[in-house]
PDB file of N, CA and C in Angstrom:
ATOM      1  N   MET A   1      65.265  42.181  -8.349  1.00  0.00           N
ATOM      2  CA  MET A   1      66.099  41.044  -6.531  1.00  0.00           C
ATOM      3  C   MET A   1      64.484  41.232  -5.420  1.00  0.00           C
ATOM      4  N   ARG A   2      64.311  40.555  -4.833  1.00  0.00           N
ATOM      5  CA  ARG A   2      63.289  40.208  -4.488  1.00  0.00           C
ATOM      6  C   ARG A   2      63.438  40.650  -2.786  1.00  0.00           C
ATOM      7  N   ASP A   3      63.154  41.599  -1.973  1.00  0.00           N
ATOM      8  CA  ASP A   3      64.019  41.852  -0.608  1.00  0.00           C
ATOM      9  C   ASP A   3      62.470  41.076  -0.176  1.00  0.00           C
ATOM     10  N   ASN A   4      62.444  40.048   0.161  1.00  0.00           N
ATOM     11  CA  ASN A   4      61.769  39.531   1.461  1.00  0.00           C
ATOM     12  C   ASN A   4      61.054  40.228   2.624  1.00  0.00           C
ATOM     13  N   GLY A   5      62.516  41.037   3.228  1.00  0.00           N
ATOM     14  CA  GLY A   5      62.011  41.041   4.550  1.00  0.00           C
ATOM     15  C   GLY A   5      60.762  43.030   4.142  1.00  0.00           C
ATOM     16  N   PHE A   6      61.533  43.639   2.964  1.00  0.00           N
ATOM     17  CA  PHE A   6      60.515  44.851   2.059  1.00  0.00           C
ATOM     18  C   PHE A   6      59.247  43.544   1.799  1.00  0.00           C
ATOM     19  N   LEU A   7      58.799  43.041   1.392  1.00  0.00           N
ATOM     20  CA  LEU A   7      57.398  42.729   1.471  1.00  0.00           C
ATOM     21  C   LEU A   7      56.511  42.360   2.275  1.00  0.00           C
ATOM     22  N   LYS A   8      57.065  42.036   3.478  1.00  0.00           N
ATOM     23  CA  LYS A   8      56.434  41.674   4.527  1.00  0.00           C
ATOM     24  C   LYS A   8      56.186  42.379   5.778  1.00  0.00           C
ATOM     25  N   ARG A   9      57.380  44.144   5.224  1.00  0.00           N
ATOM     26  CA  ARG A   9      57.097  45.001   6.455  1.00  0.00           C
ATOM     27  C   ARG A   9      56.221  45.851   5.397  1.00  0.00           C
ATOM     28  N   PHE A  10      55.859  45.670   3.938  1.00  0.00           N
ATOM     29  CA  PHE A  10      55.053  46.444   2.759  1.00  0.00           C
ATOM     30  C   PHE A  10      53.265  45.440   3.655  1.00  0.00           C
ATOM     31  N   GLY A  11      53.741  44.749   3.859  1.00  0.00           N
ATOM     32  CA  GLY A  11      52.254  43.859   4.197  1.00  0.00           C
ATOM     33  C   GLY A  11      51.743  44.001   5.215  1.00  0.00           C
ATOM     34  N   GLU A  12      51.997  44.932   6.459  1.00  0.00           N
ATOM     35  CA  GLU A  12      52.864  44.553   7.523  1.00  0.00           C
ATOM     36  C   GLU A  12      51.480  45.725   7.878  1.00  0.00           C
ATOM     37  N   ASN A  13      52.531  46.846   6.722  1.00  0.00           N
ATOM     38  CA  ASN A  13      51.655  47.941   6.784  1.00  0.00           C
ATOM     39  C   ASN A  13      50.942  48.141   6.619  1.00  0.00           C
ATOM     40  N   LEU A  14      49.989  47.788   5.206  1.00  0.00           N
ATOM     41  CA  LEU A  14      49.200  47.284   4.945  1.00  0.00           C
ATOM     42  C   LEU A  14      48.304  47.051   5.902  1.00  0.00           C
ATOM     43  N   ARG A  15      48.359  45.560   6.257  1.00  0.00           N
ATOM     44  CA  ARG A  15      47.273  45.339   7.082  1.00  0.00           C
ATOM     45  C   ARG A  15      46.821  46.242   8.162  1.00  0.00           C
ATOM     46  N   ARG A  16      47.654  46.922   8.534  1.00  0.00           N
ATOM     47  CA  ARG A  16      47.323  48.384   9.761  1.00  0.00           C
ATOM     48  C   ARG A  16      46.467  48.775   9.346  1.00  0.00           C
ATOM     49  N   LEU A  17      47.132  49.636   8.411  1.00  0.00           N
ATOM     50  CA  LEU A  17      45.877  50.851   7.478  1.00  0.00           C
ATOM     51  C   LEU A  17      44.679  50.491   7.100  1.00  0.00           C
ATOM     52  N   ARG A  18      44.760  48.535   7.397  1.00  0.00           N
ATOM     53  CA  ARG A  18      43.269  47.960   6.699  1.00  0.00           C
ATOM     54  C   ARG A  18      42.517  47.535   8.397  1.00  0.00           C
ATOM     55  N   GLU A  19      42.387  48.365   8.743  1.00  0.00           N
ATOM     56  CA  GLU A  19      42.439  48.246  10.703  1.00  0.00           C
ATOM     57  C   GLU A  19      41.682  48.937  10.767  1.00  0.00           C
ATOM     58  N   LEU A  20      43.219  50.079  10.375  1.00  0.00           N
ATOM     59  CA  LEU A  20      42.316  51.327  11.329  1.00  0.00           C
ATOM     60  C   LEU A  20      41.438  51.878  11.209  1.00  0.00           C
ATOM     61  N   LYS A  21      41.227  51.442   9.562  1.00  0.00           N
ATOM     62  CA  LYS A  21      40.326  51.982   8.756  1.00  0.00           C
ATOM     63  C   LYS A  21      37.847  50.971   9.280  1.00  0.00           C
ATOM     64  N   GLY A  22      38.677  49.585   9.826  1.00  0.00           N
ATOM     65  CA  GLY A  22      38.052  49.628  10.350  1.00  0.00           C
ATOM     66  C   GLY A  22      37.713  48.080   9.188  1.00  0.00           C
ATOM     67  N   LEU A  23      38.166  48.284   8.020  1.00  0.00           N
ATOM     68  CA  LEU A  23      38.483  47.009   7.104  1.00  0.00           C
ATOM     69  C   LEU A  23      37.939  45.092   7.140  1.00  0.00           C
ATOM     70  N   SER A  24      37.722  44.480   6.652  1.00  0.00           N
ATOM     71  CA  SER A  24      38.152  43.124   6.868  1.00  0.00           C
ATOM     72  C   SER A  24      38.580  42.552   5.283  1.00  0.00           C
ATOM     73  N   GLN A  25      39.625  42.025   5.774  1.00  0.00           N
ATOM     74  CA  GLN A  25      40.067  41.978   4.613  1.00  0.00           C
ATOM     75  C   GLN A  25      39.375  41.770   2.665  1.00  0.00           C
ATOM     76  N   GLU A  26      38.267  40.535   2.547  1.00  0.00           N
ATOM     77  CA  GLU A  26      37.562  40.832   2.582  1.00  0.00           C
ATOM     78  C   GLU A  26      36.587  41.755   1.964  1.00  0.00           C
ATOM     79  N   GLU A  27      36.363  43.102   2.704  1.00  0.00           N
ATOM     80  CA  GLU A  27      35.878  44.775   2.025  1.00  0.00           C
ATOM     81  C   GLU A  27      37.081  45.377   1.525  1.00  0.00           C
ATOM     82  N   LEU A  28      38.233  44.941   1.324  1.00  0.00           N
ATOM     83  CA  LEU A  28      39.273  45.968   1.109  1.00  0.00           C
ATOM     84  C   LEU A  28      38.963  45.439  -0.208  1.00  0.00           C
ATOM     85  N   TYR A  29      39.053  43.956  -0.292  1.00  0.00           N
ATOM     86  CA  TYR A  29      39.329  42.868  -1.927  1.00  0.00           C
ATOM     87  C   TYR A  29      37.855  43.943  -2.989  1.00  0.00           C
ATOM     88  N   PHE A  30      37.224  43.315  -1.962  1.00  0.00           N
ATOM     89  CA  PHE A  30      36.023  44.192  -2.917  1.00  0.00           C
ATOM     90  C   PHE A  30      36.582  45.116  -3.488  1.00  0.00           C
ATOM     91  N   ARG A  31      35.856  46.338  -2.377  1.00  0.00           N
ATOM     92  CA  ARG A  31      37.276  47.657  -2.940  1.00  0.00           C
ATOM     93  C   ARG A  31      37.709  47.815  -3.562  1.00  0.00           C
ATOM     94  N   ALA A  32      39.154  47.182  -3.933  1.00  0.00           N
ATOM     95  CA  ALA A  32      40.392  46.939  -4.952  1.00  0.00           C
ATOM     96  C   ALA A  32      40.108  46.794  -6.432  1.00  0.00           C
ATOM     97  N   ASN A  33      39.040  44.947  -5.684  1.00  0.00           N
ATOM     98  CA  ASN A  33      38.823  45.011  -7.401  1.00  0.00           C
ATOM     99  C   ASN A  33      39.683  43.861  -7.885  1.00  0.00           C
ATOM    100  N   LEU A  34      40.034  43.106  -6.002  1.00  0.00           N
ATOM    101  CA  LEU A  34      41.168  42.164  -6.633  1.00  0.00           C
ATOM    102  C   LEU A  34      40.946  40.433  -6.771  1.00  0.00           C
ATOM    103  N   SER A  35      41.800  39.503  -6.682  1.00  0.00           N
ATOM    104  CA  SER A  35      40.695  38.300  -6.373  1.00  0.00           C
ATOM    105  C   SER A  35      40.868  38.485  -5.016  1.00  0.00           C
ATOM    106  N   LYS A  36      39.940  36.464  -4.363  1.00  0.00           N
ATOM    107  CA  LYS A  36      39.867  37.041  -3.224  1.00  0.00           C
ATOM    108  C   LYS A  36      40.755  36.172  -2.276  1.00  0.00           C
ATOM    109  N   ASN A  37      42.605  35.917  -2.923  1.00  0.00           N
ATOM    110  CA  ASN A  37      43.152  35.934  -1.403  1.00  0.00           C
ATOM    111  C   ASN A  37      44.269  36.392  -1.723  1.00  0.00           C
ATOM    112  N   GLN A  38      44.021  37.875  -2.662  1.00  0.00           N
ATOM    113  CA  GLN A  38      45.385  38.688  -3.112  1.00  0.00           C
ATOM    114  C   GLN A  38      45.699  39.038  -1.642  1.00  0.00           C
ATOM    115  N   VAL A  39      45.096  39.654  -1.032  1.00  0.00           N
ATOM    116  CA  VAL A  39      45.373  40.562  -0.400  1.00  0.00           C
ATOM    117  C   VAL A  39      46.230  40.630   1.408  1.00  0.00           C
ATOM    118  N   GLY A  40      45.087  38.784   0.798  1.00  0.00           N
ATOM    119  CA  GLY A  40      45.634  38.218   2.574  1.00  0.00           C
ATOM    120  C   GLY A  40      47.883  37.632   1.827  1.00  0.00           C
ATOM    121  N   ASN A  41      47.561  36.994   0.584  1.00  0.00           N
ATOM    122  CA  ASN A  41      48.405  37.350   0.360  1.00  0.00           C
ATOM    123  C   ASN A  41      49.727  38.313   0.197  1.00  0.00           C
ATOM    124  N   ILE A  42      49.161  39.356  -0.546  1.00  0.00           N
ATOM    125  CA  ILE A  42      49.800  41.113  -0.073  1.00  0.00           C
ATOM    126  C   ILE A  42      50.155  40.286   1.379  1.00  0.00           C
ATOM    127  N   GLU A  43      49.252  40.849   2.163  1.00  0.00           N
ATOM    128  CA  GLU A  43      49.604  41.569   3.659  1.00  0.00           C
ATOM    129  C   GLU A  43      50.136  40.186   5.047  1.00  0.00           C
ATOM    130  N   ARG A  44      50.873  38.857   3.931  1.00  0.00           N
ATOM    131  CA  ARG A  44      51.762  38.004   4.197  1.00  0.00           C
ATOM    132  C   ARG A  44      53.353  38.084   4.176  1.00  0.00           C
ATOM    133  N   GLY A  45      53.511  38.782   2.541  1.00  0.00           N
ATOM    134  CA  GLY A  45      54.807  39.401   1.944  1.00  0.00           C
ATOM    135  C   GLY A  45      54.830  38.212   1.069  1.00  0.00           C
ATOM    136  N   GLU A  46      53.736  37.476   0.814  1.00  0.00           N
ATOM    137  CA  GLU A  46      54.200  36.516  -0.480  1.00  0.00           C
ATOM    138  C   GLU A  46      54.550  36.522  -1.242  1.00  0.00           C
ATOM    139  N   VAL A  47      54.026  37.590  -2.115  1.00  0.00           N
ATOM    140  CA  VAL A  47      54.068  38.223  -3.020  1.00  0.00           C
ATOM    141  C   VAL A  47      54.610  39.640  -3.570  1.00  0.00           C
ATOM    142  N   ASN A  48      55.125  39.701  -4.718  1.00  0.00           N
ATOM    143  CA  ASN A  48      55.981  40.968  -4.684  1.00  0.00           C
ATOM    144  C   ASN A  48      54.612  41.041  -5.622  1.00  0.00           C
ATOM    145  N   THR A  49      53.664  42.866  -4.831  1.00  0.00           N
ATOM    146  CA  THR A  49      52.821  42.928  -6.036  1.00  0.00           C
ATOM    147  C   THR A  49      53.273  44.551  -6.621  1.00  0.00           C
ATOM    148  N   THR A  50      51.841  44.481  -8.208  1.00  0.00           N
ATOM    149  CA  THR A  50      52.427  45.870  -8.727  1.00  0.00           C
ATOM    150  C   THR A  50      51.815  46.562  -8.581  1.00  0.00           C
ATOM    151  N   ILE A  51      52.573  48.104  -8.864  1.00  0.00           N
ATOM    152  CA  ILE A  51      52.327  49.564  -8.556  1.00  0.00           C
ATOM    153  C   ILE A  51      51.317  49.758  -9.115  1.00  0.00           C
ATOM    154  N   SER A  52      50.271  49.095 -10.058  1.00  0.00           N
ATOM    155  CA  SER A  52      49.077  49.389 -10.101  1.00  0.00           C
ATOM    156  C   SER A  52      47.966  48.668  -9.221  1.00  0.00           C
ATOM    157  N   THR A  53      48.186  47.181  -8.324  1.00  0.00           N
ATOM    158  CA  THR A  53      47.441  46.267  -7.213  1.00  0.00           C
ATOM    159  C   THR A  53      48.041  47.377  -5.785  1.00  0.00           C
ATOM    160  N   ALA A  54      49.361  47.880  -6.050  1.00  0.00           N
ATOM    161  CA  ALA A  54      49.326  49.016  -5.143  1.00  0.00           C
ATOM    162  C   ALA A  54      48.489  49.782  -4.418  1.00  0.00           C
ATOM    163  N   TYR A  55      48.955  50.974  -5.977  1.00  0.00           N
ATOM    164  CA  TYR A  55      47.299  51.823  -5.985  1.00  0.00           C
ATOM    165  C   TYR A  55      46.224  51.557  -5.774  1.00  0.00           C
ATOM    166  N   ALA A  56      45.699  50.399  -6.622  1.00  0.00           N
ATOM    167  CA  ALA A  56      43.575  49.736  -5.673  1.00  0.00           C
ATOM    168  C   ALA A  56      43.355  50.142  -4.833  1.00  0.00           C
ATOM    169  N   LEU A  57      45.141  49.616  -3.997  1.00  0.00           N
ATOM    170  CA  LEU A  57      44.453  48.751  -2.415  1.00  0.00           C
ATOM    171  C   LEU A  57      43.944  51.247  -2.010  1.00  0.00           C
ATOM    172  N   SER A  58      45.252  51.932  -2.478  1.00  0.00           N
ATOM    173  CA  SER A  58      45.861  53.202  -1.971  1.00  0.00           C
ATOM    174  C   SER A  58      43.856  53.586  -1.802  1.00  0.00           C
ATOM    175  N   GLN A  59      43.500  53.184  -3.151  1.00  0.00           N
ATOM    176  CA  GLN A  59      42.409  53.903  -3.841  1.00  0.00           C
ATOM    177  C   GLN A  59      42.053  53.223  -2.000  1.00  0.00           C
ATOM    178  N   ALA A  60      41.252  52.606  -2.694  1.00  0.00           N
ATOM    179  CA  ALA A  60      39.847  51.686  -1.776  1.00  0.00           C
ATOM    180  C   ALA A  60      40.348  51.631  -0.055  1.00  0.00           C
ATOM    181  N   LEU A  61      41.940  52.116   0.415  1.00  0.00           N
ATOM    182  CA  LEU A  61      41.684  52.429   1.824  1.00  0.00           C
ATOM    183  C   LEU A  61      41.417  53.574   1.718  1.00  0.00           C
ATOM    184  N   GLY A  62      40.911  54.270   1.184  1.00  0.00           N
ATOM    185  CA  GLY A  62      41.050  56.166   1.425  1.00  0.00           C
ATOM    186  C   GLY A  62      42.241  57.040   1.709  1.00  0.00           C
ATOM    187  N   VAL A  63      43.706  56.668   1.371  1.00  0.00           N
ATOM    188  CA  VAL A  63      45.126  57.171   1.599  1.00  0.00           C
ATOM    189  C   VAL A  63      45.895  57.238   0.278  1.00  0.00           C
ATOM    190  N   GLU A  64      47.284  58.010   0.953  1.00  0.00           N
ATOM    191  CA  GLU A  64      47.652  58.568  -0.513  1.00  0.00           C
ATOM    192  C   GLU A  64      48.810  57.313  -0.531  1.00  0.00           C
ATOM    193  N   LEU A  65      48.540  56.947  -1.965  1.00  0.00           N
ATOM    194  CA  LEU A  65      50.017  55.898  -2.187  1.00  0.00           C
ATOM    195  C   LEU A  65      50.930  55.870  -1.111  1.00  0.00           C
ATOM    196  N   PRO A  66      51.870  57.046  -1.208  1.00  0.00           N
ATOM    197  CA  PRO A  66      53.087  56.676  -0.454  1.00  0.00           C
ATOM    198  C   PRO A  66      52.753  56.195   1.173  1.00  0.00           C
ATOM    199  N   GLU A  67      51.287  56.773   1.483  1.00  0.00           N
ATOM    200  CA  GLU A  67      51.097  56.162   2.898  1.00  0.00           C
ATOM    201  C   GLU A  67      51.766  54.659   2.899  1.00  0.00           C
ATOM    202  N   LEU A  68      51.386  53.273   2.128  1.00  0.00           N
ATOM    203  CA  LEU A  68      51.409  52.491   1.730  1.00  0.00           C
ATOM    204  C   LEU A  68      52.959  51.814   2.127  1.00  0.00           C
ATOM    205  N   PHE A  69      53.590  52.566   2.490  1.00  0.00           N
ATOM    206  CA  PHE A  69      55.624  52.668   1.993  1.00  0.00           C
ATOM    207  C   PHE A  69      56.421  53.319   3.672  1.00  0.00           C
ATOM    208  N   LYS A  70      55.070  54.402   4.071  1.00  0.00           N
ATOM    209  CA  LYS A  70      55.560  54.367   5.407  1.00  0.00           C
ATOM    210  C   LYS A  70      55.787  53.873   6.246  1.00  0.00           C
ATOM    211  N   PHE A  71      56.821  52.681   6.780  1.00  0.00           N
ATOM    212  CA  PHE A  71      56.891  52.105   7.281  1.00  0.00           C
ATOM    213  C   PHE A  71      58.717  52.069   7.335  1.00  0.00           C
ATOM    214  N   GLU A  72      59.041  51.441   8.797  1.00  0.00           N
ATOM    215  CA  GLU A  72      60.736  51.429   9.019  1.00  0.00           C
ATOM    216  C   GLU A  72      60.653  49.506   9.414  1.00  0.00           C
TER     217      GLU A  72
END
């Protein structure tokens, strides 16, 4: 079951954390070894990312994985 609202909130939180770290989308996808458009698609809530990708993003941001899921 796909919850588009959840995906949107996850993406918004990812963007918030990325901006707090002072990273561009390009810097983040490079650090996380992701494809060029993947970060933008996730931030817009357009894709249901995998746990492996979420982990790569958390490592690239220097935060614990659960931090990506701390949103209301």
